[in-house]
């Protein structure tokens, strides 16, 4: 059942973007042919007003990768003490540990960036 749902989602997502791309192109072409060059800019996607949002991408992804690694280490260490808790088909603890560690990486990045913004 899952592959059918996934294929349906992908087909609709791709169809939406193809239709949007073609219709935007045709509308821009009509506006240019009508010599309304100033209105062509209306169709552009709005850009982010905040240039601080992705100022240090390597720091963000470095912290996320570090915390992911720490999460995997925690899972392995917990597996040494109680293998049934982290191994097996129905074990959800490893996923929880990994998600918490990844979230901590994003939170650390958030607090670092807020600290830099306050200092300015």
PDB file of N, CA and C in Angstrom:
ATOM      1  N   UNK A   1       0.808  -1.188   0.000  1.00  0.00           N
ATOM      2  CA  UNK A   1       0.000   0.000   0.000  1.00  0.00           C
ATOM      3  C   UNK A   1       0.856   1.258   0.000  1.00  0.00           C
ATOM      4  N   UNK A   2       1.941   1.257   0.697  1.00  0.00           N
ATOM      5  CA  UNK A   2       2.762   2.445   0.826  1.00  0.00           C
ATOM      6  C   UNK A   2       3.348   2.912  -0.503  1.00  0.00           C
ATOM      7  N   UNK A   3       3.846   2.025  -1.371  1.00  0.00           N
ATOM      8  CA  UNK A   3       4.390   2.515  -2.644  1.00  0.00           C
ATOM      9  C   UNK A   3       3.342   3.209  -3.509  1.00  0.00           C
ATOM     10  N   UNK A   4       2.094   2.749  -3.469  1.00  0.00           N
ATOM     11  CA  UNK A   4       1.052   3.389  -4.264  1.00  0.00           C
ATOM     12  C   UNK A   4       0.802   4.816  -3.791  1.00  0.00           C
ATOM     13  N   UNK A   5       0.783   4.994  -2.479  1.00  0.00           N
ATOM     14  CA  UNK A   5       0.566   6.328  -1.925  1.00  0.00           C
ATOM     15  C   UNK A   5       1.736   7.235  -2.280  1.00  0.00           C
ATOM     16  N   UNK A   6       2.940   6.718  -2.159  1.00  0.00           N
ATOM     17  CA  UNK A   6       4.122   7.512  -2.474  1.00  0.00           C
ATOM     18  C   UNK A   6       4.142   7.914  -3.941  1.00  0.00           C
ATOM     19  N   UNK A   7       3.827   6.990  -4.825  1.00  0.00           N
ATOM     20  CA  UNK A   7       3.793   7.296  -6.260  1.00  0.00           C
ATOM     21  C   UNK A   7       2.731   8.348  -6.550  1.00  0.00           C
ATOM     22  N   UNK A   8       1.573   8.237  -5.928  1.00  0.00           N
ATOM     23  CA  UNK A   8       0.509   9.216  -6.131  1.00  0.00           C
ATOM     24  C   UNK A   8       0.943  10.605  -5.682  1.00  0.00           C
ATOM     25  N   UNK A   9       1.576  10.682  -4.527  1.00  0.00           N
ATOM     26  CA  UNK A   9       2.046  11.969  -4.014  1.00  0.00           C
ATOM     27  C   UNK A   9       3.083  12.565  -4.954  1.00  0.00           C
ATOM     28  N   UNK A  10       4.028  11.769  -5.403  1.00  0.00           N
ATOM     29  CA  UNK A  10       5.073  12.265  -6.300  1.00  0.00           C
ATOM     30  C   UNK A  10       4.480  12.736  -7.621  1.00  0.00           C
ATOM     31  N   UNK A  11       3.528  11.992  -8.164  1.00  0.00           N
ATOM     32  CA  UNK A  11       2.908  12.377  -9.444  1.00  0.00           C
ATOM     33  C   UNK A  11       2.161  13.701  -9.300  1.00  0.00           C
ATOM     34  N   UNK A  12       1.378  13.865  -8.243  1.00  0.00           N
ATOM     35  CA  UNK A  12       0.651  15.118  -8.062  1.00  0.00           C
ATOM     36  C   UNK A  12       1.599  16.283  -7.798  1.00  0.00           C
ATOM     37  N   UNK A  13       2.638  16.063  -7.010  1.00  0.00           N
ATOM     38  CA  UNK A  13       3.620  17.111  -6.730  1.00  0.00           C
ATOM     39  C   UNK A  13       4.318  17.542  -8.017  1.00  0.00           C
ATOM     40  N   UNK A  14       4.740  16.583  -8.817  1.00  0.00           N
ATOM     41  CA  UNK A  14       5.414  16.900 -10.077  1.00  0.00           C
ATOM     42  C   UNK A  14       4.457  17.585 -11.043  1.00  0.00           C
ATOM     43  N   UNK A  15       3.221  17.113 -11.117  1.00  0.00           N
ATOM     44  CA  UNK A  15       2.233  17.734 -12.008  1.00  0.00           C
ATOM     45  C   UNK A  15       1.978  19.183 -11.617  1.00  0.00           C
ATOM     46  N   UNK A  16       1.842  19.433 -10.331  1.00  0.00           N
ATOM     47  CA  UNK A  16       1.619  20.799  -9.850  1.00  0.00           C
ATOM     48  C   UNK A  16       2.761  21.717 -10.263  1.00  0.00           C
ATOM     49  N   UNK A  17       3.991  21.275 -10.036  1.00  0.00           N
ATOM     50  CA  UNK A  17       5.134  22.128 -10.350  1.00  0.00           C
ATOM     51  C   UNK A  17       5.312  22.321 -11.851  1.00  0.00           C
ATOM     52  N   UNK A  18       5.031  21.314 -12.634  1.00  0.00           N
ATOM     53  CA  UNK A  18       5.134  21.462 -14.092  1.00  0.00           C
ATOM     54  C   UNK A  18       4.076  22.442 -14.591  1.00  0.00           C
ATOM     55  N   UNK A  19       2.847  22.316 -14.111  1.00  0.00           N
ATOM     56  CA  UNK A  19       1.785  23.234 -14.525  1.00  0.00           C
ATOM     57  C   UNK A  19       2.107  24.659 -14.088  1.00  0.00           C
ATOM     58  N   UNK A  20       2.609  24.821 -12.874  1.00  0.00           N
ATOM     59  CA  UNK A  20       2.970  26.150 -12.381  1.00  0.00           C
ATOM     60  C   UNK A  20       4.090  26.755 -13.222  1.00  0.00           C
ATOM     61  N   UNK A  21       5.096  25.966 -13.549  1.00  0.00           N
ATOM     62  CA  UNK A  21       6.220  26.445 -14.347  1.00  0.00           C
ATOM     63  C   UNK A  21       5.771  26.872 -15.739  1.00  0.00           C
ATOM     64  N   UNK A  22       4.972  26.050 -16.389  1.00  0.00           N
ATOM     65  CA  UNK A  22       4.512  26.361 -17.747  1.00  0.00           C
ATOM     66  C   UNK A  22       3.594  27.580 -17.741  1.00  0.00           C
ATOM     67  N   UNK A  23       2.667  27.647 -16.796  1.00  0.00           N
ATOM     68  CA  UNK A  23       1.743  28.789 -16.769  1.00  0.00           C
ATOM     69  C   UNK A  23       2.474  30.094 -16.454  1.00  0.00           C
ATOM     70  N   UNK A  24       3.439  30.070 -15.568  1.00  0.00           N
ATOM     71  CA  UNK A  24       4.225  31.266 -15.277  1.00  0.00           C
ATOM     72  C   UNK A  24       5.016  31.697 -16.501  1.00  0.00           C
ATOM     73  N   UNK A  25       5.594  30.749 -17.197  1.00  0.00           N
ATOM     74  CA  UNK A  25       6.346  31.071 -18.413  1.00  0.00           C
ATOM     75  C   UNK A  25       5.444  31.699 -19.469  1.00  0.00           C
ATOM     76  N   UNK A  26       4.270  31.112 -19.688  1.00  0.00           N
ATOM     77  CA  UNK A  26       3.355  31.654 -20.695  1.00  0.00           C
ATOM     78  C   UNK A  26       2.861  33.049 -20.314  1.00  0.00           C
ATOM     79  N   UNK A  27       2.586  33.256 -19.040  1.00  0.00           N
ATOM     80  CA  UNK A  27       2.132  34.568 -18.595  1.00  0.00           C
ATOM     81  C   UNK A  27       3.232  35.614 -18.736  1.00  0.00           C
ATOM     82  N   UNK A  28       4.462  35.248 -18.389  1.00  0.00           N
ATOM     83  CA  UNK A  28       5.581  36.178 -18.571  1.00  0.00           C
ATOM     84  C   UNK A  28       5.762  36.516 -20.040  1.00  0.00           C
ATOM     85  N   UNK A  29       5.639  35.519 -20.892  1.00  0.00           N
ATOM     86  CA  UNK A  29       5.799  35.744 -22.327  1.00  0.00           C
ATOM     87  C   UNK A  29       4.723  36.694 -22.855  1.00  0.00           C
ATOM     88  N   UNK A  30       3.486  36.528 -22.388  1.00  0.00           N
ATOM     89  CA  UNK A  30       2.412  37.434 -22.805  1.00  0.00           C
ATOM     90  C   UNK A  30       2.675  38.860 -22.337  1.00  0.00           C
ATOM     91  N   UNK A  31       3.139  38.999 -21.098  1.00  0.00           N
ATOM     92  CA  UNK A  31       3.423  40.337 -20.583  1.00  0.00           C
ATOM     93  C   UNK A  31       4.564  40.999 -21.345  1.00  0.00           C
ATOM     94  N   UNK A  32       5.573  40.241 -21.697  1.00  0.00           N
ATOM     95  CA  UNK A  32       6.698  40.801 -22.446  1.00  0.00           C
ATOM     96  C   UNK A  32       6.255  41.185 -23.852  1.00  0.00           C
ATOM     97  N   UNK A  33       5.433  40.360 -24.483  1.00  0.00           N
ATOM     98  CA  UNK A  33       4.929  40.694 -25.824  1.00  0.00           C
ATOM     99  C   UNK A  33       4.044  41.937 -25.788  1.00  0.00           C
ATOM    100  N   UNK A  34       3.334  42.150 -24.688  1.00  0.00           N
ATOM    101  CA  UNK A  34       2.490  43.333 -24.544  1.00  0.00           C
ATOM    102  C   UNK A  34       3.294  44.539 -24.074  1.00  0.00           C
ATOM    103  N   UNK A  35       4.607  44.388 -23.959  1.00  0.00           N
ATOM    104  CA  UNK A  35       5.548  45.435 -23.548  1.00  0.00           C
ATOM    105  C   UNK A  35       5.216  45.997 -22.164  1.00  0.00           C
ATOM    106  N   UNK A  36       4.798  45.142 -21.278  1.00  0.00           N
ATOM    107  CA  UNK A  36       4.550  45.540 -19.898  1.00  0.00           C
ATOM    108  C   UNK A  36       5.656  44.952 -19.019  1.00  0.00           C
ATOM    109  N   UNK A  37       6.853  45.471 -19.236  1.00  0.00           N
ATOM    110  CA  UNK A  37       8.039  44.909 -18.587  1.00  0.00           C
ATOM    111  C   UNK A  37       8.012  45.088 -17.071  1.00  0.00           C
ATOM    112  N   UNK A  38       7.392  46.160 -16.594  1.00  0.00           N
ATOM    113  CA  UNK A  38       7.373  46.393 -15.153  1.00  0.00           C
ATOM    114  C   UNK A  38       6.472  45.399 -14.418  1.00  0.00           C
ATOM    115  N   UNK A  39       5.513  44.811 -15.092  1.00  0.00           N
ATOM    116  CA  UNK A  39       4.622  43.837 -14.456  1.00  0.00           C
ATOM    117  C   UNK A  39       5.209  42.430 -14.430  1.00  0.00           C
ATOM    118  N   UNK A  40       6.240  42.174 -15.192  1.00  0.00           N
ATOM    119  CA  UNK A  40       6.832  40.834 -15.224  1.00  0.00           C
ATOM    120  C   UNK A  40       7.424  40.483 -13.862  1.00  0.00           C
ATOM    121  N   UNK A  41       7.921  41.474 -13.141  1.00  0.00           N
ATOM    122  CA  UNK A  41       8.513  41.245 -11.823  1.00  0.00           C
ATOM    123  C   UNK A  41       7.525  40.766 -10.785  1.00  0.00           C
ATOM    124  N   UNK A  42       6.240  40.970 -11.020  1.00  0.00           N
ATOM    125  CA  UNK A  42       5.214  40.520 -10.075  1.00  0.00           C
ATOM    126  C   UNK A  42       5.227  39.001  -9.945  1.00  0.00           C
ATOM    127  N   UNK A  43       5.595  38.320 -11.016  1.00  0.00           N
ATOM    128  CA  UNK A  43       5.551  36.858 -11.021  1.00  0.00           C
ATOM    129  C   UNK A  43       6.745  36.217 -10.329  1.00  0.00           C
ATOM    130  N   UNK A  44       7.744  37.001  -9.969  1.00  0.00           N
ATOM    131  CA  UNK A  44       8.918  36.447  -9.293  1.00  0.00           C
ATOM    132  C   UNK A  44       8.558  36.026  -7.875  1.00  0.00           C
ATOM    133  N   UNK A  45       9.219  34.999  -7.400  1.00  0.00           N
ATOM    134  CA  UNK A  45       9.012  34.534  -6.031  1.00  0.00           C
ATOM    135  C   UNK A  45       9.573  35.570  -5.064  1.00  0.00           C
ATOM    136  N   UNK A  46       8.858  35.861  -3.975  1.00  0.00           N
ATOM    137  CA  UNK A  46       9.386  36.830  -3.010  1.00  0.00           C
ATOM    138  C   UNK A  46      10.624  36.275  -2.319  1.00  0.00           C
ATOM    139  N   UNK A  47      11.623  37.124  -2.210  1.00  0.00           N
ATOM    140  CA  UNK A  47      12.863  36.701  -1.561  1.00  0.00           C
ATOM    141  C   UNK A  47      12.779  36.994  -0.072  1.00  0.00           C
ATOM    142  N   UNK A  48      13.538  36.259   0.681  1.00  0.00           N
ATOM    143  CA  UNK A  48      13.532  36.404   2.127  1.00  0.00           C
ATOM    144  C   UNK A  48      14.076  37.775   2.511  1.00  0.00           C
ATOM    145  N   UNK A  49      13.362  38.457   3.380  1.00  0.00           N
ATOM    146  CA  UNK A  49      13.793  39.773   3.834  1.00  0.00           C
ATOM    147  C   UNK A  49      14.953  39.661   4.817  1.00  0.00           C
ATOM    148  N   UNK A  50      15.022  38.546   5.505  1.00  0.00           N
ATOM    149  CA  UNK A  50      16.022  38.361   6.545  1.00  0.00           C
ATOM    150  C   UNK A  50      17.229  37.650   5.964  1.00  0.00           C
ATOM    151  N   UNK A  51      18.337  38.366   5.810  1.00  0.00           N
ATOM    152  CA  UNK A  51      19.543  37.742   5.276  1.00  0.00           C
ATOM    153  C   UNK A  51      20.327  37.009   6.356  1.00  0.00           C
ATOM    154  N   UNK A  52      19.888  37.116   7.604  1.00  0.00           N
ATOM    155  CA  UNK A  52      20.544  36.417   8.703  1.00  0.00           C
ATOM    156  C   UNK A  52      20.129  34.948   8.768  1.00  0.00           C
ATOM    157  N   UNK A  53      19.095  34.571   8.038  1.00  0.00           N
ATOM    158  CA  UNK A  53      18.509  33.246   8.206  1.00  0.00           C
ATOM    159  C   UNK A  53      19.475  32.121   7.868  1.00  0.00           C
ATOM    160  N   UNK A  54      20.343  32.324   6.911  1.00  0.00           N
ATOM    161  CA  UNK A  54      21.263  31.254   6.525  1.00  0.00           C
ATOM    162  C   UNK A  54      22.674  31.812   6.415  1.00  0.00           C
ATOM    163  N   UNK A  55      23.086  32.515   7.444  1.00  0.00           N
ATOM    164  CA  UNK A  55      24.376  33.184   7.396  1.00  0.00           C
ATOM    165  C   UNK A  55      25.538  32.216   7.579  1.00  0.00           C
ATOM    166  N   UNK A  56      25.364  31.239   8.414  1.00  0.00           N
ATOM    167  CA  UNK A  56      26.422  30.264   8.684  1.00  0.00           C
ATOM    168  C   UNK A  56      25.905  28.854   8.416  1.00  0.00           C
ATOM    169  N   UNK A  57      25.716  28.478   7.165  1.00  0.00           N
ATOM    170  CA  UNK A  57      25.156  27.147   6.891  1.00  0.00           C
ATOM    171  C   UNK A  57      26.096  26.018   7.294  1.00  0.00           C
ATOM    172  N   UNK A  58      27.399  26.252   7.188  1.00  0.00           N
ATOM    173  CA  UNK A  58      28.324  25.179   7.565  1.00  0.00           C
ATOM    174  C   UNK A  58      28.299  24.937   9.073  1.00  0.00           C
ATOM    175  N   UNK A  59      28.106  25.997   9.854  1.00  0.00           N
ATOM    176  CA  UNK A  59      27.985  25.829  11.303  1.00  0.00           C
ATOM    177  C   UNK A  59      26.729  25.030  11.635  1.00  0.00           C
ATOM    178  N   UNK A  60      25.628  25.373  10.978  1.00  0.00           N
ATOM    179  CA  UNK A  60      24.363  24.678  11.252  1.00  0.00           C
ATOM    180  C   UNK A  60      24.482  23.195  10.940  1.00  0.00           C
ATOM    181  N   UNK A  61      24.935  22.875   9.732  1.00  0.00           N
ATOM    182  CA  UNK A  61      24.974  21.465   9.341  1.00  0.00           C
ATOM    183  C   UNK A  61      26.103  20.724  10.038  1.00  0.00           C
ATOM    184  N   UNK A  62      27.151  21.428  10.425  1.00  0.00           N
ATOM    185  CA  UNK A  62      28.198  20.796  11.223  1.00  0.00           C
ATOM    186  C   UNK A  62      27.678  20.401  12.597  1.00  0.00           C
ATOM    187  N   UNK A  63      26.915  21.296  13.226  1.00  0.00           N
ATOM    188  CA  UNK A  63      26.324  20.969  14.528  1.00  0.00           C
ATOM    189  C   UNK A  63      25.319  19.826  14.419  1.00  0.00           C
ATOM    190  N   UNK A  64      24.522  19.844  13.364  1.00  0.00           N
ATOM    191  CA  UNK A  64      23.542  18.766  13.181  1.00  0.00           C
ATOM    192  C   UNK A  64      24.253  17.434  12.967  1.00  0.00           C
ATOM    193  N   UNK A  65      25.307  17.431  12.157  1.00  0.00           N
ATOM    194  CA  UNK A  65      26.059  16.190  11.923  1.00  0.00           C
ATOM    195  C   UNK A  65      26.737  15.717  13.207  1.00  0.00           C
ATOM    196  N   UNK A  66      27.302  16.650  13.980  1.00  0.00           N
ATOM    197  CA  UNK A  66      27.938  16.294  15.247  1.00  0.00           C
ATOM    198  C   UNK A  66      26.928  15.674  16.206  1.00  0.00           C
ATOM    199  N   UNK A  67      25.778  16.310  16.339  1.00  0.00           N
ATOM    200  CA  UNK A  67      24.776  15.790  17.260  1.00  0.00           C
ATOM    201  C   UNK A  67      24.187  14.468  16.766  1.00  0.00           C
ATOM    202  N   UNK A  68      24.093  14.288  15.452  1.00  0.00           N
ATOM    203  CA  UNK A  68      23.642  13.001  14.914  1.00  0.00           C
ATOM    204  C   UNK A  68      24.636  11.906  15.272  1.00  0.00           C
ATOM    205  N   UNK A  69      25.912  12.205  15.128  1.00  0.00           N
ATOM    206  CA  UNK A  69      26.946  11.240  15.513  1.00  0.00           C
ATOM    207  C   UNK A  69      26.893  10.905  16.989  1.00  0.00           C
ATOM    208  N   UNK A  70      26.688  11.924  17.813  1.00  0.00           N
ATOM    209  CA  UNK A  70      26.566  11.682  19.254  1.00  0.00           C
ATOM    210  C   UNK A  70      25.343  10.811  19.541  1.00  0.00           C
ATOM    211  N   UNK A  71      24.258  11.050  18.811  1.00  0.00           N
ATOM    212  CA  UNK A  71      23.063  10.215  18.974  1.00  0.00           C
ATOM    213  C   UNK A  71      23.333   8.765  18.630  1.00  0.00           C
ATOM    214  N   UNK A  72      24.059   8.526  17.528  1.00  0.00           N
ATOM    215  CA  UNK A  72      24.402   7.148  17.160  1.00  0.00           C
ATOM    216  C   UNK A  72      25.309   6.507  18.208  1.00  0.00           C
ATOM    217  N   UNK A  73      26.224   7.279  18.771  1.00  0.00           N
ATOM    218  CA  UNK A  73      27.098   6.748  19.826  1.00  0.00           C
ATOM    219  C   UNK A  73      26.268   6.368  21.053  1.00  0.00           C
ATOM    220  N   UNK A  74      25.325   7.221  21.431  1.00  0.00           N
ATOM    221  CA  UNK A  74      24.457   6.921  22.577  1.00  0.00           C
ATOM    222  C   UNK A  74      23.661   5.640  22.329  1.00  0.00           C
ATOM    223  N   UNK A  75      23.154   5.483  21.111  1.00  0.00           N
ATOM    224  CA  UNK A  75      22.385   4.275  20.775  1.00  0.00           C
ATOM    225  C   UNK A  75      23.262   3.036  20.898  1.00  0.00           C
ATOM    226  N   UNK A  76      24.484   3.109  20.403  1.00  0.00           N
ATOM    227  CA  UNK A  76      25.385   1.953  20.489  1.00  0.00           C
ATOM    228  C   UNK A  76      25.756   1.634  21.932  1.00  0.00           C
ATOM    229  N   UNK A  77      26.012   2.664  22.742  1.00  0.00           N
ATOM    230  CA  UNK A  77      26.360   2.432  24.149  1.00  0.00           C
ATOM    231  C   UNK A  77      25.169   1.826  24.888  1.00  0.00           C
ATOM    232  N   UNK A  78      23.964   2.313  24.604  1.00  0.00           N
ATOM    233  CA  UNK A  78      22.783   1.727  25.243  1.00  0.00           C
ATOM    234  C   UNK A  78      22.576   0.288  24.794  1.00  0.00           C
ATOM    235  N   UNK A  79      22.962  -0.032  23.568  1.00  0.00           N
ATOM    236  CA  UNK A  79      22.854  -1.400  23.070  1.00  0.00           C
ATOM    237  C   UNK A  79      23.781  -2.354  23.792  1.00  0.00           C
ATOM    238  N   UNK A  80      24.885  -1.839  24.342  1.00  0.00           N
ATOM    239  CA  UNK A  80      25.792  -2.691  25.111  1.00  0.00           C
ATOM    240  C   UNK A  80      25.156  -3.136  26.426  1.00  0.00           C
ATOM    241  N   UNK A  81      24.335  -2.277  27.021  1.00  0.00           N
ATOM    242  CA  UNK A  81      23.725  -2.589  28.307  1.00  0.00           C
ATOM    243  C   UNK A  81      22.437  -3.400  28.165  1.00  0.00           C
ATOM    244  N   UNK A  82      21.616  -3.052  27.189  1.00  0.00           N
ATOM    245  CA  UNK A  82      20.345  -3.751  27.007  1.00  0.00           C
ATOM    246  C   UNK A  82      20.035  -3.791  25.514  1.00  0.00           C
ATOM    247  N   UNK A  83      20.409  -4.879  24.887  1.00  0.00           N
ATOM    248  CA  UNK A  83      20.288  -4.990  23.431  1.00  0.00           C
ATOM    249  C   UNK A  83      18.834  -4.968  22.969  1.00  0.00           C
ATOM    250  N   UNK A  84      17.931  -5.515  23.751  1.00  0.00           N
ATOM    251  CA  UNK A  84      16.527  -5.571  23.341  1.00  0.00           C
ATOM    252  C   UNK A  84      15.895  -4.183  23.256  1.00  0.00           C
ATOM    253  N   UNK A  85      16.443  -3.227  24.011  1.00  0.00           N
ATOM    254  CA  UNK A  85      15.862  -1.896  24.036  1.00  0.00           C
ATOM    255  C   UNK A  85      16.121  -1.130  22.732  1.00  0.00           C
ATOM    256  N   UNK A  86      17.257  -1.374  22.097  1.00  0.00           N
ATOM    257  CA  UNK A  86      17.611  -0.591  20.911  1.00  0.00           C
ATOM    258  C   UNK A  86      17.658  -1.406  19.631  1.00  0.00           C
ATOM    259  N   UNK A  87      17.607  -2.707  19.734  1.00  0.00           N
ATOM    260  CA  UNK A  87      17.618  -3.545  18.531  1.00  0.00           C
ATOM    261  C   UNK A  87      16.248  -4.161  18.343  1.00  0.00           C
ATOM    262  N   UNK A  88      15.984  -4.576  17.164  1.00  0.00           N
ATOM    263  CA  UNK A  88      14.705  -5.222  16.895  1.00  0.00           C
ATOM    264  C   UNK A  88      13.843  -4.372  15.987  1.00  0.00           C
ATOM    265  N   UNK A  89      12.846  -5.021  15.465  1.00  0.00           N
ATOM    266  CA  UNK A  89      11.987  -4.384  14.467  1.00  0.00           C
ATOM    267  C   UNK A  89      11.093  -3.309  15.077  1.00  0.00           C
ATOM    268  N   UNK A  90      10.634  -3.515  16.297  1.00  0.00           N
ATOM    269  CA  UNK A  90       9.686  -2.593  16.919  1.00  0.00           C
ATOM    270  C   UNK A  90      10.344  -1.576  17.846  1.00  0.00           C
ATOM    271  N   UNK A  91      11.642  -1.497  17.875  1.00  0.00           N
ATOM    272  CA  UNK A  91      12.319  -0.580  18.784  1.00  0.00           C
ATOM    273  C   UNK A  91      12.201   0.851  18.271  1.00  0.00           C
ATOM    274  N   UNK A  92      11.588   1.711  19.073  1.00  0.00           N
ATOM    275  CA  UNK A  92      11.447   3.114  18.696  1.00  0.00           C
ATOM    276  C   UNK A  92      12.400   4.012  19.478  1.00  0.00           C
ATOM    277  N   UNK A  93      13.040   3.471  20.482  1.00  0.00           N
ATOM    278  CA  UNK A  93      13.968   4.261  21.278  1.00  0.00           C
ATOM    279  C   UNK A  93      15.116   4.828  20.443  1.00  0.00           C
ATOM    280  N   UNK A  94      15.738   4.065  19.546  1.00  0.00           N
ATOM    281  CA  UNK A  94      16.817   4.650  18.741  1.00  0.00           C
ATOM    282  C   UNK A  94      16.348   5.840  17.902  1.00  0.00           C
ATOM    283  N   UNK A  95      15.152   5.749  17.343  1.00  0.00           N
ATOM    284  CA  UNK A  95      14.633   6.864  16.552  1.00  0.00           C
ATOM    285  C   UNK A  95      14.418   8.087  17.433  1.00  0.00           C
ATOM    286  N   UNK A  96      13.907   7.871  18.628  1.00  0.00           N
ATOM    287  CA  UNK A  96      13.701   8.979  19.559  1.00  0.00           C
ATOM    288  C   UNK A  96      15.006   9.629  19.968  1.00  0.00           C
ATOM    289  N   UNK A  97      16.003   8.813  20.279  1.00  0.00           N
ATOM    290  CA  UNK A  97      17.313   9.350  20.657  1.00  0.00           C
ATOM    291  C   UNK A  97      17.895  10.156  19.510  1.00  0.00           C
ATOM    292  N   UNK A  98      17.819   9.632  18.309  1.00  0.00           N
ATOM    293  CA  UNK A  98      18.376  10.313  17.147  1.00  0.00           C
ATOM    294  C   UNK A  98      17.649  11.632  16.881  1.00  0.00           C
ATOM    295  N   UNK A  99      16.324  11.632  16.953  1.00  0.00           N
ATOM    296  CA  UNK A  99      15.570  12.864  16.719  1.00  0.00           C
ATOM    297  C   UNK A  99      15.851  13.915  17.789  1.00  0.00           C
ATOM    298  N   UNK A 100      15.980  13.490  19.033  1.00  0.00           N
ATOM    299  CA  UNK A 100      16.296  14.436  20.105  1.00  0.00           C
ATOM    300  C   UNK A 100      17.680  15.042  19.888  1.00  0.00           C
ATOM    301  N   UNK A 101      18.653  14.232  19.523  1.00  0.00           N
ATOM    302  CA  UNK A 101      20.007  14.744  19.301  1.00  0.00           C
ATOM    303  C   UNK A 101      20.055  15.699  18.108  1.00  0.00           C
ATOM    304  N   UNK A 102      19.357  15.366  17.027  1.00  0.00           N
ATOM    305  CA  UNK A 102      19.322  16.258  15.865  1.00  0.00           C
ATOM    306  C   UNK A 102      18.639  17.572  16.240  1.00  0.00           C
ATOM    307  N   UNK A 103      17.559  17.490  17.002  1.00  0.00           N
ATOM    308  CA  UNK A 103      16.868  18.704  17.444  1.00  0.00           C
ATOM    309  C   UNK A 103      17.761  19.546  18.335  1.00  0.00           C
ATOM    310  N   UNK A 104      18.536  18.906  19.183  1.00  0.00           N
ATOM    311  CA  UNK A 104      19.483  19.647  20.016  1.00  0.00           C
ATOM    312  C   UNK A 104      20.516  20.375  19.163  1.00  0.00           C
ATOM    313  N   UNK A 105      20.953  19.746  18.076  1.00  0.00           N
ATOM    314  CA  UNK A 105      21.882  20.415  17.165  1.00  0.00           C
ATOM    315  C   UNK A 105      21.280  21.679  16.579  1.00  0.00           C
ATOM    316  N   UNK A 106      20.026  21.602  16.138  1.00  0.00           N
ATOM    317  CA  UNK A 106      19.354  22.791  15.607  1.00  0.00           C
ATOM    318  C   UNK A 106      19.150  23.841  16.696  1.00  0.00           C
ATOM    319  N   UNK A 107      18.811  23.415  17.918  1.00  0.00           N
ATOM    320  CA  UNK A 107      18.623  24.371  19.010  1.00  0.00           C
ATOM    321  C   UNK A 107      19.926  25.066  19.386  1.00  0.00           C
ATOM    322  N   UNK A 108      21.018  24.331  19.410  1.00  0.00           N
ATOM    323  CA  UNK A 108      22.317  24.945  19.699  1.00  0.00           C
ATOM    324  C   UNK A 108      22.636  25.996  18.647  1.00  0.00           C
ATOM    325  N   UNK A 109      22.399  25.674  17.380  1.00  0.00           N
ATOM    326  CA  UNK A 109      22.618  26.641  16.305  1.00  0.00           C
ATOM    327  C   UNK A 109      21.728  27.865  16.497  1.00  0.00           C
ATOM    328  N   UNK A 110      20.463  27.644  16.858  1.00  0.00           N
ATOM    329  CA  UNK A 110      19.531  28.749  17.073  1.00  0.00           C
ATOM    330  C   UNK A 110      20.029  29.672  18.180  1.00  0.00           C
ATOM    331  N   UNK A 111      20.480  29.095  19.299  1.00  0.00           N
ATOM    332  CA  UNK A 111      20.948  29.918  20.405  1.00  0.00           C
ATOM    333  C   UNK A 111      22.244  30.644  20.058  1.00  0.00           C
ATOM    334  N   UNK A 112      23.116  30.021  19.295  1.00  0.00           N
ATOM    335  CA  UNK A 112      24.341  30.698  18.853  1.00  0.00           C
ATOM    336  C   UNK A 112      23.987  31.895  17.977  1.00  0.00           C
ATOM    337  N   UNK A 113      23.066  31.701  17.036  1.00  0.00           N
ATOM    338  CA  UNK A 113      22.690  32.789  16.133  1.00  0.00           C
ATOM    339  C   UNK A 113      21.941  33.894  16.873  1.00  0.00           C
ATOM    340  N   UNK A 114      21.104  33.549  17.846  1.00  0.00           N
ATOM    341  CA  UNK A 114      20.430  34.580  18.639  1.00  0.00           C
ATOM    342  C   UNK A 114      21.428  35.355  19.481  1.00  0.00           C
ATOM    343  N   UNK A 115      22.440  34.678  19.999  1.00  0.00           N
ATOM    344  CA  UNK A 115      23.478  35.365  20.760  1.00  0.00           C
ATOM    345  C   UNK A 115      24.245  36.348  19.898  1.00  0.00           C
ATOM    346  N   UNK A 116      24.511  35.990  18.653  1.00  0.00           N
ATOM    347  CA  UNK A 116      25.193  36.901  17.734  1.00  0.00           C
ATOM    348  C   UNK A 116      24.300  38.082  17.364  1.00  0.00           C
ATOM    349  N   UNK A 117      22.993  37.847  17.229  1.00  0.00           N
ATOM    350  CA  UNK A 117      22.072  38.924  16.861  1.00  0.00           C
ATOM    351  C   UNK A 117      21.907  39.920  18.004  1.00  0.00           C
ATOM    352  N   UNK A 118      21.923  39.448  19.243  1.00  0.00           N
ATOM    353  CA  UNK A 118      21.774  40.331  20.394  1.00  0.00           C
ATOM    354  C   UNK A 118      23.013  41.201  20.558  1.00  0.00           C
ATOM    355  N   UNK A 119      24.184  40.675  20.267  1.00  0.00           N
ATOM    356  CA  UNK A 119      25.430  41.426  20.422  1.00  0.00           C
ATOM    357  C   UNK A 119      25.546  42.578  19.436  1.00  0.00           C
ATOM    358  N   UNK A 120      24.849  42.489  18.309  1.00  0.00           N
ATOM    359  CA  UNK A 120      24.954  43.554  17.294  1.00  0.00           C
ATOM    360  C   UNK A 120      24.226  44.777  17.669  1.00  0.00           C
TER     361      UNK A 120
END
